[in-house]
PDB file of N, CA and C in Angstrom:
ATOM      1  N   MET A   1     139.047  47.934 141.797  1.00  0.00           N
ATOM      2  CA  MET A   1     139.150  46.495 142.200  1.00  0.00           C
ATOM      3  C   MET A   1     139.222  46.360 143.752  1.00  0.00           C
ATOM      4  N   GLU A   2     139.992  47.325 144.249  1.00  0.00           N
ATOM      5  CA  GLU A   2     140.170  47.377 145.731  1.00  0.00           C
ATOM      6  C   GLU A   2     138.794  47.633 146.524  1.00  0.00           C
ATOM      7  N   ARG A   3     138.047  48.341 145.831  1.00  0.00           N
ATOM      8  CA  ARG A   3     136.632  48.741 146.400  1.00  0.00           C
ATOM      9  C   ARG A   3     135.726  47.548 146.336  1.00  0.00           C
ATOM     10  N   LYS A   4     135.944  46.711 145.342  1.00  0.00           N
ATOM     11  CA  LYS A   4     134.994  45.485 145.232  1.00  0.00           C
ATOM     12  C   LYS A   4     135.460  44.418 146.331  1.00  0.00           C
ATOM     13  N   GLN A   5     136.726  44.306 146.407  1.00  0.00           N
ATOM     14  CA  GLN A   5     137.192  43.435 147.517  1.00  0.00           C
ATOM     15  C   GLN A   5     136.788  43.903 149.047  1.00  0.00           C
ATOM     16  N   SER A   6     136.932  45.229 149.111  1.00  0.00           N
ATOM     17  CA  SER A   6     136.448  45.800 150.379  1.00  0.00           C
ATOM     18  C   SER A   6     134.977  45.546 150.671  1.00  0.00           C
ATOM     19  N   MET A   7     134.169  45.762 149.710  1.00  0.00           N
ATOM     20  CA  MET A   7     132.809  45.392 149.749  1.00  0.00           C
ATOM     21  C   MET A   7     132.458  43.908 150.218  1.00  0.00           C
ATOM     22  N   MET A   8     133.182  42.988 149.508  1.00  0.00           N
ATOM     23  CA  MET A   8     132.996  41.752 149.498  1.00  0.00           C
ATOM     24  C   MET A   8     133.432  41.258 151.087  1.00  0.00           C
ATOM     25  N   THR A   9     134.415  41.811 151.570  1.00  0.00           N
ATOM     26  CA  THR A   9     134.878  41.411 152.832  1.00  0.00           C
ATOM     27  C   THR A   9     133.941  41.971 153.886  1.00  0.00           C
ATOM     28  N   THR A  10     133.417  43.184 153.717  1.00  0.00           N
ATOM     29  CA  THR A  10     132.400  43.677 154.625  1.00  0.00           C
ATOM     30  C   THR A  10     131.023  42.964 154.542  1.00  0.00           C
ATOM     31  N   LEU A  11     130.641  42.451 153.365  1.00  0.00           N
ATOM     32  CA  LEU A  11     129.470  41.517 153.098  1.00  0.00           C
ATOM     33  C   LEU A  11     129.614  40.251 153.872  1.00  0.00           C
ATOM     34  N   LYS A  12     130.806  39.664 153.662  1.00  0.00           N
ATOM     35  CA  LYS A  12     131.232  38.408 154.157  1.00  0.00           C
ATOM     36  C   LYS A  12     131.060  38.494 155.695  1.00  0.00           C
ATOM     37  N   SER A  13     131.663  39.488 156.348  1.00  0.00           N
ATOM     38  CA  SER A  13     131.709  39.591 157.882  1.00  0.00           C
ATOM     39  C   SER A  13     130.277  39.916 158.359  1.00  0.00           C
ATOM     40  N   GLN A  14     129.426  40.626 157.682  1.00  0.00           N
ATOM     41  CA  GLN A  14     128.077  40.863 158.151  1.00  0.00           C
ATOM     42  C   GLN A  14     127.169  39.500 158.092  1.00  0.00           C
ATOM     43  N   VAL A  15     127.397  38.801 156.994  1.00  0.00           N
ATOM     44  CA  VAL A  15     126.599  37.602 156.819  1.00  0.00           C
ATOM     45  C   VAL A  15     127.035  36.563 157.963  1.00  0.00           C
ATOM     46  N   ALA A  16     128.432  36.386 158.197  1.00  0.00           N
ATOM     47  CA  ALA A  16     128.966  35.733 159.217  1.00  0.00           C
ATOM     48  C   ALA A  16     128.450  36.038 160.538  1.00  0.00           C
ATOM     49  N   SER A  17     128.326  37.282 160.908  1.00  0.00           N
ATOM     50  CA  SER A  17     127.864  37.642 162.290  1.00  0.00           C
ATOM     51  C   SER A  17     126.332  37.319 162.461  1.00  0.00           C
ATOM     52  N   SER A  18     125.676  37.632 161.421  1.00  0.00           N
ATOM     53  CA  SER A  18     124.227  37.196 161.383  1.00  0.00           C
ATOM     54  C   SER A  18     123.855  35.785 161.602  1.00  0.00           C
ATOM     55  N   VAL A  19     124.628  34.939 160.928  1.00  0.00           N
ATOM     56  CA  VAL A  19     124.617  33.611 161.071  1.00  0.00           C
ATOM     57  C   VAL A  19     124.938  33.076 162.452  1.00  0.00           C
ATOM     58  N   GLN A  20     125.920  33.654 163.077  1.00  0.00           N
ATOM     59  CA  GLN A  20     126.506  33.290 164.362  1.00  0.00           C
ATOM     60  C   GLN A  20     125.460  33.698 165.343  1.00  0.00           C
ATOM     61  N   ARG A  21     124.744  34.793 165.226  1.00  0.00           N
ATOM     62  CA  ARG A  21     123.610  35.114 166.200  1.00  0.00           C
ATOM     63  C   ARG A  21     122.594  34.082 166.236  1.00  0.00           C
ATOM     64  N   TRP A  22     122.198  33.399 165.220  1.00  0.00           N
ATOM     65  CA  TRP A  22     121.314  32.330 165.216  1.00  0.00           C
ATOM     66  C   TRP A  22     121.657  31.194 166.079  1.00  0.00           C
ATOM     67  N   PHE A  23     122.885  30.847 166.183  1.00  0.00           N
ATOM     68  CA  PHE A  23     123.419  29.794 166.817  1.00  0.00           C
ATOM     69  C   PHE A  23     123.962  30.189 168.278  1.00  0.00           C
ATOM     70  N   ASP A  24     123.943  31.475 168.662  1.00  0.00           N
ATOM     71  CA  ASP A  24     124.436  31.745 170.079  1.00  0.00           C
ATOM     72  C   ASP A  24     123.302  31.240 170.996  1.00  0.00           C
ATOM     73  N   LEU A  25     123.761  30.712 172.265  1.00  0.00           N
ATOM     74  CA  LEU A  25     123.119  30.281 173.380  1.00  0.00           C
ATOM     75  C   LEU A  25     122.551  31.526 174.066  1.00  0.00           C
ATOM     76  N   PRO A  26     121.413  31.525 174.691  1.00  0.00           N
ATOM     77  CA  PRO A  26     120.955  32.636 175.574  1.00  0.00           C
ATOM     78  C   PRO A  26     121.900  32.965 176.486  1.00  0.00           C
ATOM     79  N   ALA A  27     121.982  34.287 176.933  1.00  0.00           N
ATOM     80  CA  ALA A  27     123.012  34.596 178.095  1.00  0.00           C
ATOM     81  C   ALA A  27     122.661  33.920 179.361  1.00  0.00           C
ATOM     82  N   GLY A  28     123.646  33.591 179.970  1.00  0.00           N
ATOM     83  CA  GLY A  28     123.394  32.917 181.327  1.00  0.00           C
ATOM     84  C   GLY A  28     123.211  31.350 181.385  1.00  0.00           C
ATOM     85  N   LEU A  29     123.027  30.865 180.062  1.00  0.00           N
ATOM     86  CA  LEU A  29     122.877  29.485 179.908  1.00  0.00           C
ATOM     87  C   LEU A  29     124.295  28.703 180.064  1.00  0.00           C
ATOM     88  N   PRO A  30     124.385  27.786 181.102  1.00  0.00           N
ATOM     89  CA  PRO A  30     125.646  27.001 181.039  1.00  0.00           C
ATOM     90  C   PRO A  30     125.741  26.116 179.920  1.00  0.00           C
ATOM     91  N   ALA A  31     127.080  25.747 179.625  1.00  0.00           N
ATOM     92  CA  ALA A  31     127.398  24.804 178.430  1.00  0.00           C
ATOM     93  C   ALA A  31     126.839  23.410 178.811  1.00  0.00           C
ATOM     94  N   GLN A  32     126.605  22.573 177.801  1.00  0.00           N
ATOM     95  CA  GLN A  32     126.103  21.199 178.006  1.00  0.00           C
ATOM     96  C   GLN A  32     127.079  20.381 178.501  1.00  0.00           C
ATOM     97  N   MET A  33     126.685  19.716 179.574  1.00  0.00           N
ATOM     98  CA  MET A  33     127.643  18.689 180.228  1.00  0.00           C
ATOM     99  C   MET A  33     127.924  17.449 179.494  1.00  0.00           C
ATOM    100  N   PRO A  34     129.138  17.048 179.434  1.00  0.00           N
ATOM    101  CA  PRO A  34     129.465  15.687 178.838  1.00  0.00           C
ATOM    102  C   PRO A  34     128.636  14.595 179.643  1.00  0.00           C
ATOM    103  N   ALA A  35     128.381  13.498 179.016  1.00  0.00           N
ATOM    104  CA  ALA A  35     127.504  12.405 179.510  1.00  0.00           C
ATOM    105  C   ALA A  35     128.189  11.788 180.726  1.00  0.00           C
ATOM    106  N   ALA A  36     129.415  11.608 180.749  1.00  0.00           N
ATOM    107  CA  ALA A  36     130.025  10.980 181.939  1.00  0.00           C
ATOM    108  C   ALA A  36     129.984  12.079 183.129  1.00  0.00           C
ATOM    109  N   GLN A  37     130.250  13.257 182.847  1.00  0.00           N
ATOM    110  CA  GLN A  37     130.040  14.238 183.849  1.00  0.00           C
ATOM    111  C   GLN A  37     128.633  14.330 184.574  1.00  0.00           C
ATOM    112  N   THR A  38     127.709  14.294 183.654  1.00  0.00           N
ATOM    113  CA  THR A  38     126.339  14.070 184.100  1.00  0.00           C
ATOM    114  C   THR A  38     126.089  13.086 184.998  1.00  0.00           C
ATOM    115  N   THR A  39     126.425  11.954 184.625  1.00  0.00           N
ATOM    116  CA  THR A  39     126.190  10.669 185.449  1.00  0.00           C
ATOM    117  C   THR A  39     126.987  10.928 186.828  1.00  0.00           C
ATOM    118  N   LEU A  40     128.223  11.243 186.844  1.00  0.00           N
ATOM    119  CA  LEU A  40     128.888  11.370 188.140  1.00  0.00           C
ATOM    120  C   LEU A  40     128.156  12.409 188.992  1.00  0.00           C
ATOM    121  N   PHE A  41     127.758  13.539 188.463  1.00  0.00           N
ATOM    122  CA  PHE A  41     127.130  14.722 189.212  1.00  0.00           C
ATOM    123  C   PHE A  41     125.834  14.220 189.699  1.00  0.00           C
ATOM    124  N   LEU A  42     125.075  13.516 188.970  1.00  0.00           N
ATOM    125  CA  LEU A  42     123.760  12.860 189.471  1.00  0.00           C
ATOM    126  C   LEU A  42     123.981  12.080 190.606  1.00  0.00           C
ATOM    127  N   THR A  43     124.804  11.161 190.434  1.00  0.00           N
ATOM    128  CA  THR A  43     125.202  10.237 191.616  1.00  0.00           C
ATOM    129  C   THR A  43     125.566  11.057 192.915  1.00  0.00           C
ATOM    130  N   GLN A  44     126.656  11.893 192.780  1.00  0.00           N
ATOM    131  CA  GLN A  44     126.966  12.827 193.910  1.00  0.00           C
ATOM    132  C   GLN A  44     125.774  13.569 194.398  1.00  0.00           C
ATOM    133  N   SER A  45     125.101  14.157 193.591  1.00  0.00           N
ATOM    134  CA  SER A  45     123.974  14.876 193.977  1.00  0.00           C
ATOM    135  C   SER A  45     123.026  14.200 195.003  1.00  0.00           C
ATOM    136  N   HIS A  46     122.676  12.941 194.521  1.00  0.00           N
ATOM    137  CA  HIS A  46     122.026  11.945 195.455  1.00  0.00           C
ATOM    138  C   HIS A  46     122.551  11.526 196.562  1.00  0.00           C
ATOM    139  N   GLU A  47     123.899  11.123 196.569  1.00  0.00           N
ATOM    140  CA  GLU A  47     124.697  10.591 197.838  1.00  0.00           C
ATOM    141  C   GLU A  47     124.695  11.688 198.733  1.00  0.00           C
ATOM    142  N   ARG A  48     125.041  12.950 198.296  1.00  0.00           N
ATOM    143  CA  ARG A  48     125.328  13.877 199.219  1.00  0.00           C
ATOM    144  C   ARG A  48     124.224  14.868 199.485  1.00  0.00           C
ATOM    145  N   HIS A  49     123.012  14.672 198.915  1.00  0.00           N
ATOM    146  CA  HIS A  49     121.765  15.333 199.072  1.00  0.00           C
ATOM    147  C   HIS A  49     121.876  16.815 198.751  1.00  0.00           C
ATOM    148  N   TYR A  50     122.438  16.974 197.396  1.00  0.00           N
ATOM    149  CA  TYR A  50     122.677  18.445 197.133  1.00  0.00           C
ATOM    150  C   TYR A  50     121.334  18.944 196.490  1.00  0.00           C
ATOM    151  N   HIS A  51     121.036  20.150 196.656  1.00  0.00           N
ATOM    152  CA  HIS A  51     120.041  20.921 196.103  1.00  0.00           C
ATOM    153  C   HIS A  51     120.684  21.402 194.772  1.00  0.00           C
ATOM    154  N   VAL A  52     119.913  21.068 193.709  1.00  0.00           N
ATOM    155  CA  VAL A  52     120.369  21.366 192.444  1.00  0.00           C
ATOM    156  C   VAL A  52     119.455  22.127 191.466  1.00  0.00           C
ATOM    157  N   THR A  53     120.031  22.765 190.550  1.00  0.00           N
ATOM    158  CA  THR A  53     119.378  23.404 189.387  1.00  0.00           C
ATOM    159  C   THR A  53     119.697  22.494 188.137  1.00  0.00           C
ATOM    160  N   ILE A  54     118.387  21.977 187.605  1.00  0.00           N
ATOM    161  CA  ILE A  54     118.751  21.092 186.487  1.00  0.00           C
ATOM    162  C   ILE A  54     118.089  21.601 185.277  1.00  0.00           C
ATOM    163  N   THR A  55     118.720  21.385 184.138  1.00  0.00           N
ATOM    164  CA  THR A  55     118.141  21.982 182.823  1.00  0.00           C
ATOM    165  C   THR A  55     118.087  20.683 182.038  1.00  0.00           C
ATOM    166  N   PHE A  56     116.721  20.557 181.646  1.00  0.00           N
ATOM    167  CA  PHE A  56     116.392  19.437 180.768  1.00  0.00           C
ATOM    168  C   PHE A  56     116.342  19.837 179.149  1.00  0.00           C
ATOM    169  N   ASP A  57     116.773  18.770 178.345  1.00  0.00           N
ATOM    170  CA  ASP A  57     116.778  18.997 176.953  1.00  0.00           C
ATOM    171  C   ASP A  57     117.657  20.006 176.546  1.00  0.00           C
ATOM    172  N   ALA A  58     117.727  20.194 175.146  1.00  0.00           N
ATOM    173  CA  ALA A  58     118.762  21.304 174.549  1.00  0.00           C
ATOM    174  C   ALA A  58     117.997  22.359 173.959  1.00  0.00           C
ATOM    175  N   PRO A  59     118.640  23.616 173.875  1.00  0.00           N
ATOM    176  CA  PRO A  59     118.101  24.701 173.330  1.00  0.00           C
ATOM    177  C   PRO A  59     117.369  24.395 171.887  1.00  0.00           C
ATOM    178  N   PRO A  60     116.310  25.010 171.599  1.00  0.00           N
ATOM    179  CA  PRO A  60     115.600  26.069 172.145  1.00  0.00           C
ATOM    180  C   PRO A  60     114.545  25.769 173.166  1.00  0.00           C
ATOM    181  N   THR A  61     114.291  24.380 173.376  1.00  0.00           N
ATOM    182  CA  THR A  61     113.169  23.970 174.279  1.00  0.00           C
ATOM    183  C   THR A  61     113.967  23.602 175.691  1.00  0.00           C
ATOM    184  N   LEU A  62     113.936  24.547 176.520  1.00  0.00           N
ATOM    185  CA  LEU A  62     114.654  24.291 177.875  1.00  0.00           C
ATOM    186  C   LEU A  62     113.636  24.196 179.037  1.00  0.00           C
ATOM    187  N   LEU A  63     113.725  23.369 180.022  1.00  0.00           N
ATOM    188  CA  LEU A  63     113.024  23.289 181.237  1.00  0.00           C
ATOM    189  C   LEU A  63     114.127  23.506 182.350  1.00  0.00           C
ATOM    190  N   GLN A  64     113.963  24.514 183.137  1.00  0.00           N
ATOM    191  CA  GLN A  64     114.981  24.589 184.212  1.00  0.00           C
ATOM    192  C   GLN A  64     114.177  24.654 185.465  1.00  0.00           C
ATOM    193  N   ALA A  65     114.705  23.915 186.540  1.00  0.00           N
ATOM    194  CA  ALA A  65     114.034  23.928 187.841  1.00  0.00           C
ATOM    195  C   ALA A  65     115.055  23.534 188.834  1.00  0.00           C
ATOM    196  N   ARG A  66     114.709  23.826 190.148  1.00  0.00           N
ATOM    197  CA  ARG A  66     115.429  23.496 191.362  1.00  0.00           C
ATOM    198  C   ARG A  66     114.748  22.406 192.174  1.00  0.00           C
ATOM    199  N   GLY A  67     115.590  21.494 192.627  1.00  0.00           N
ATOM    200  CA  GLY A  67     115.129  20.435 193.564  1.00  0.00           C
ATOM    201  C   GLY A  67     116.034  19.471 193.909  1.00  0.00           C
ATOM    202  N   TYR A  68     115.676  18.303 194.041  1.00  0.00           N
ATOM    203  CA  TYR A  68     116.467  17.111 194.267  1.00  0.00           C
ATOM    204  C   TYR A  68     116.412  15.930 193.385  1.00  0.00           C
ATOM    205  N   VAL A  69     117.326  15.189 193.198  1.00  0.00           N
ATOM    206  CA  VAL A  69     117.352  13.864 192.360  1.00  0.00           C
ATOM    207  C   VAL A  69     117.614  12.716 193.060  1.00  0.00           C
ATOM    208  N   ARG A  70     117.074  11.568 192.700  1.00  0.00           N
ATOM    209  CA  ARG A  70     117.263  10.123 193.203  1.00  0.00           C
ATOM    210  C   ARG A  70     117.005   9.086 192.149  1.00  0.00           C
ATOM    211  N   PRO A  71     117.924   8.143 192.279  1.00  0.00           N
ATOM    212  CA  PRO A  71     117.811   7.163 191.109  1.00  0.00           C
ATOM    213  C   PRO A  71     116.534   6.173 191.361  1.00  0.00           C
ATOM    214  N   LEU A  72     116.028   5.809 190.120  1.00  0.00           N
ATOM    215  CA  LEU A  72     114.790   4.748 190.008  1.00  0.00           C
ATOM    216  C   LEU A  72     115.288   3.761 189.113  1.00  0.00           C
ATOM    217  N   GLY A  73     115.937   2.817 189.320  1.00  0.00           N
ATOM    218  CA  GLY A  73     116.330   1.850 188.420  1.00  0.00           C
ATOM    219  C   GLY A  73     117.397   2.421 187.437  1.00  0.00           C
ATOM    220  N   GLU A  74     117.097   2.287 186.130  1.00  0.00           N
ATOM    221  CA  GLU A  74     117.879   2.818 184.945  1.00  0.00           C
ATOM    222  C   GLU A  74     117.746   4.388 184.977  1.00  0.00           C
ATOM    223  N   LYS A  75     116.573   4.957 185.511  1.00  0.00           N
ATOM    224  CA  LYS A  75     116.127   6.342 185.235  1.00  0.00           C
ATOM    225  C   LYS A  75     116.475   7.094 186.662  1.00  0.00           C
ATOM    226  N   TRP A  76     116.281   8.305 186.438  1.00  0.00           N
ATOM    227  CA  TRP A  76     116.322   9.146 187.708  1.00  0.00           C
ATOM    228  C   TRP A  76     114.973   9.927 187.866  1.00  0.00           C
ATOM    229  N   LEU A  77     114.745  10.255 189.184  1.00  0.00           N
ATOM    230  CA  LEU A  77     113.530  11.046 189.577  1.00  0.00           C
ATOM    231  C   LEU A  77     113.967  12.403 189.997  1.00  0.00           C
ATOM    232  N   PHE A  78     113.433  13.437 189.454  1.00  0.00           N
ATOM    233  CA  PHE A  78     113.636  14.730 189.884  1.00  0.00           C
ATOM    234  C   PHE A  78     112.409  15.322 190.662  1.00  0.00           C
ATOM    235  N   VAL A  79     112.470  15.935 191.777  1.00  0.00           N
ATOM    236  CA  VAL A  79     111.232  16.535 192.457  1.00  0.00           C
ATOM    237  C   VAL A  79     111.736  17.931 192.643  1.00  0.00           C
ATOM    238  N   SER A  80     110.889  18.808 192.407  1.00  0.00           N
ATOM    239  CA  SER A  80     111.084  20.233 192.561  1.00  0.00           C
ATOM    240  C   SER A  80     110.914  20.755 193.884  1.00  0.00           C
ATOM    241  N   ASP A  81     111.487  21.787 194.322  1.00  0.00           N
ATOM    242  CA  ASP A  81     111.380  22.334 195.652  1.00  0.00           C
ATOM    243  C   ASP A  81     109.874  22.392 196.226  1.00  0.00           C
ATOM    244  N   ASP A  82     109.007  22.856 195.226  1.00  0.00           N
ATOM    245  CA  ASP A  82     107.668  23.093 195.692  1.00  0.00           C
ATOM    246  C   ASP A  82     106.822  21.916 195.459  1.00  0.00           C
ATOM    247  N   HIS A  83     107.332  20.765 195.062  1.00  0.00           N
ATOM    248  CA  HIS A  83     106.683  19.494 194.771  1.00  0.00           C
ATOM    249  C   HIS A  83     105.592  19.540 193.679  1.00  0.00           C
ATOM    250  N   ARG A  84     105.695  20.511 192.777  1.00  0.00           N
ATOM    251  CA  ARG A  84     104.745  20.603 191.780  1.00  0.00           C
ATOM    252  C   ARG A  84     105.208  19.946 190.368  1.00  0.00           C
ATOM    253  N   LEU A  85     106.599  19.654 190.337  1.00  0.00           N
ATOM    254  CA  LEU A  85     107.187  19.163 189.169  1.00  0.00           C
ATOM    255  C   LEU A  85     107.949  17.774 189.606  1.00  0.00           C
ATOM    256  N   TYR A  86     107.536  16.686 189.172  1.00  0.00           N
ATOM    257  CA  TYR A  86     108.031  15.419 189.205  1.00  0.00           C
ATOM    258  C   TYR A  86     108.320  15.018 187.919  1.00  0.00           C
ATOM    259  N   ARG A  87     109.579  14.552 187.552  1.00  0.00           N
ATOM    260  CA  ARG A  87     110.050  14.066 186.218  1.00  0.00           C
ATOM    261  C   ARG A  87     110.944  12.851 186.347  1.00  0.00           C
ATOM    262  N   MET A  88     110.576  11.873 185.674  1.00  0.00           N
ATOM    263  CA  MET A  88     111.468  10.676 185.510  1.00  0.00           C
ATOM    264  C   MET A  88     112.287  11.026 184.216  1.00  0.00           C
ATOM    265  N   PHE A  89     113.684  10.856 184.328  1.00  0.00           N
ATOM    266  CA  PHE A  89     114.447  11.178 183.063  1.00  0.00           C
ATOM    267  C   PHE A  89     115.622  10.148 183.018  1.00  0.00           C
ATOM    268  N   ALA A  90     116.137  10.065 181.809  1.00  0.00           N
ATOM    269  CA  ALA A  90     117.401   9.444 181.706  1.00  0.00           C
ATOM    270  C   ALA A  90     118.591  10.479 181.693  1.00  0.00           C
ATOM    271  N   PRO A  91     119.726  10.103 182.159  1.00  0.00           N
ATOM    272  CA  PRO A  91     120.789  10.950 182.025  1.00  0.00           C
ATOM    273  C   PRO A  91     121.010  11.816 180.694  1.00  0.00           C
ATOM    274  N   SER A  92     120.811  11.205 179.648  1.00  0.00           N
ATOM    275  CA  SER A  92     120.967  11.735 178.351  1.00  0.00           C
ATOM    276  C   SER A  92     120.136  12.924 178.089  1.00  0.00           C
ATOM    277  N   GLU A  93     118.999  13.020 178.965  1.00  0.00           N
ATOM    278  CA  GLU A  93     118.169  14.032 178.723  1.00  0.00           C
ATOM    279  C   GLU A  93     118.543  15.307 179.467  1.00  0.00           C
ATOM    280  N   VAL A  94     119.572  15.168 180.283  1.00  0.00           N
ATOM    281  CA  VAL A  94     119.902  16.513 181.007  1.00  0.00           C
ATOM    282  C   VAL A  94     120.944  17.306 180.328  1.00  0.00           C
ATOM    283  N   TYR A  95     120.591  18.539 180.173  1.00  0.00           N
ATOM    284  CA  TYR A  95     121.488  19.636 179.531  1.00  0.00           C
ATOM    285  C   TYR A  95     122.480  19.959 180.375  1.00  0.00           C
ATOM    286  N   SER A  96     122.213  20.373 181.559  1.00  0.00           N
ATOM    287  CA  SER A  96     123.071  20.721 182.591  1.00  0.00           C
ATOM    288  C   SER A  96     122.526  20.535 183.921  1.00  0.00           C
ATOM    289  N   LEU A  97     123.457  20.460 184.914  1.00  0.00           N
ATOM    290  CA  LEU A  97     123.162  20.189 186.250  1.00  0.00           C
ATOM    291  C   LEU A  97     124.126  21.089 187.146  1.00  0.00           C
ATOM    292  N   GLN A  98     123.492  21.857 188.067  1.00  0.00           N
ATOM    293  CA  GLN A  98     124.448  22.684 188.989  1.00  0.00           C
ATOM    294  C   GLN A  98     123.891  22.591 190.343  1.00  0.00           C
ATOM    295  N   ARG A  99     124.903  22.611 191.316  1.00  0.00           N
ATOM    296  CA  ARG A  99     124.659  22.729 192.592  1.00  0.00           C
ATOM    297  C   ARG A  99     124.121  24.091 193.053  1.00  0.00           C
ATOM    298  N   VAL A 100     123.003  24.306 193.801  1.00  0.00           N
ATOM    299  CA  VAL A 100     122.503  25.572 194.174  1.00  0.00           C
ATOM    300  C   VAL A 100     123.507  26.090 195.192  1.00  0.00           C
ATOM    301  N   ALA A 101     123.981  27.317 194.811  1.00  0.00           N
ATOM    302  CA  ALA A 101     124.993  27.949 195.759  1.00  0.00           C
ATOM    303  C   ALA A 101     124.430  28.332 197.068  1.00  0.00           C
ATOM    304  N   GLY A 102     125.115  28.010 198.189  1.00  0.00           N
ATOM    305  CA  GLY A 102     124.839  28.469 199.496  1.00  0.00           C
ATOM    306  C   GLY A 102     123.750  27.422 200.051  1.00  0.00           C
ATOM    307  N   ALA A 103     123.287  26.427 199.370  1.00  0.00           N
ATOM    308  CA  ALA A 103     122.375  25.547 200.068  1.00  0.00           C
ATOM    309  C   ALA A 103     123.085  24.490 200.896  1.00  0.00           C
ATOM    310  N   ALA A 104     122.589  24.322 201.884  1.00  0.00           N
ATOM    311  CA  ALA A 104     123.193  23.214 203.021  1.00  0.00           C
ATOM    312  C   ALA A 104     122.683  22.045 202.552  1.00  0.00           C
ATOM    313  N   SER A 105     123.399  20.960 202.663  1.00  0.00           N
ATOM    314  CA  SER A 105     123.123  19.667 202.464  1.00  0.00           C
ATOM    315  C   SER A 105     122.185  19.016 203.554  1.00  0.00           C
ATOM    316  N   VAL A 106     121.158  18.263 203.271  1.00  0.00           N
ATOM    317  CA  VAL A 106     120.231  17.825 204.146  1.00  0.00           C
ATOM    318  C   VAL A 106     120.271  16.441 204.456  1.00  0.00           C
ATOM    319  N   ALA A 107     120.709  15.928 205.599  1.00  0.00           N
ATOM    320  CA  ALA A 107     120.958  14.444 205.779  1.00  0.00           C
ATOM    321  C   ALA A 107     119.707  13.739 205.981  1.00  0.00           C
ATOM    322  N   GLU A 108     119.389  12.650 205.308  1.00  0.00           N
ATOM    323  CA  GLU A 108     118.228  11.820 205.558  1.00  0.00           C
ATOM    324  C   GLU A 108     118.323  11.000 206.790  1.00  0.00           C
ATOM    325  N   ALA A 109     117.296  10.833 207.501  1.00  0.00           N
ATOM    326  CA  ALA A 109     117.260   9.941 208.725  1.00  0.00           C
ATOM    327  C   ALA A 109     116.994   8.451 208.140  1.00  0.00           C
ATOM    328  N   ASP A 110     117.897   7.569 208.449  1.00  0.00           N
ATOM    329  CA  ASP A 110     117.681   6.233 208.045  1.00  0.00           C
ATOM    330  C   ASP A 110     117.021   5.398 209.037  1.00  0.00           C
TER     331      ASP A 110
END
């Protein structure tokens, strides 16, 4: 009886760990930002001219790039550093947004 219980416990833990691996996010991927935080950081990034790393959509289809953001009406425009990627997006499409470490802010001439 004790052996059956031990086998069931082992089987249960193996199944649980296998299922958990399917739902684990890739290493190094930041957690998804709450909507209010995304909107606040987008606004700050534009006003303070922050260089950002932005991740669009949710796993498993991720697009991650570095560049700058600016508002265009209800949507936002992202322009990558090399100007090869331009994307209009709604804040709800952003998975995460991070300021690039060590990047100096650039002031625009008005």
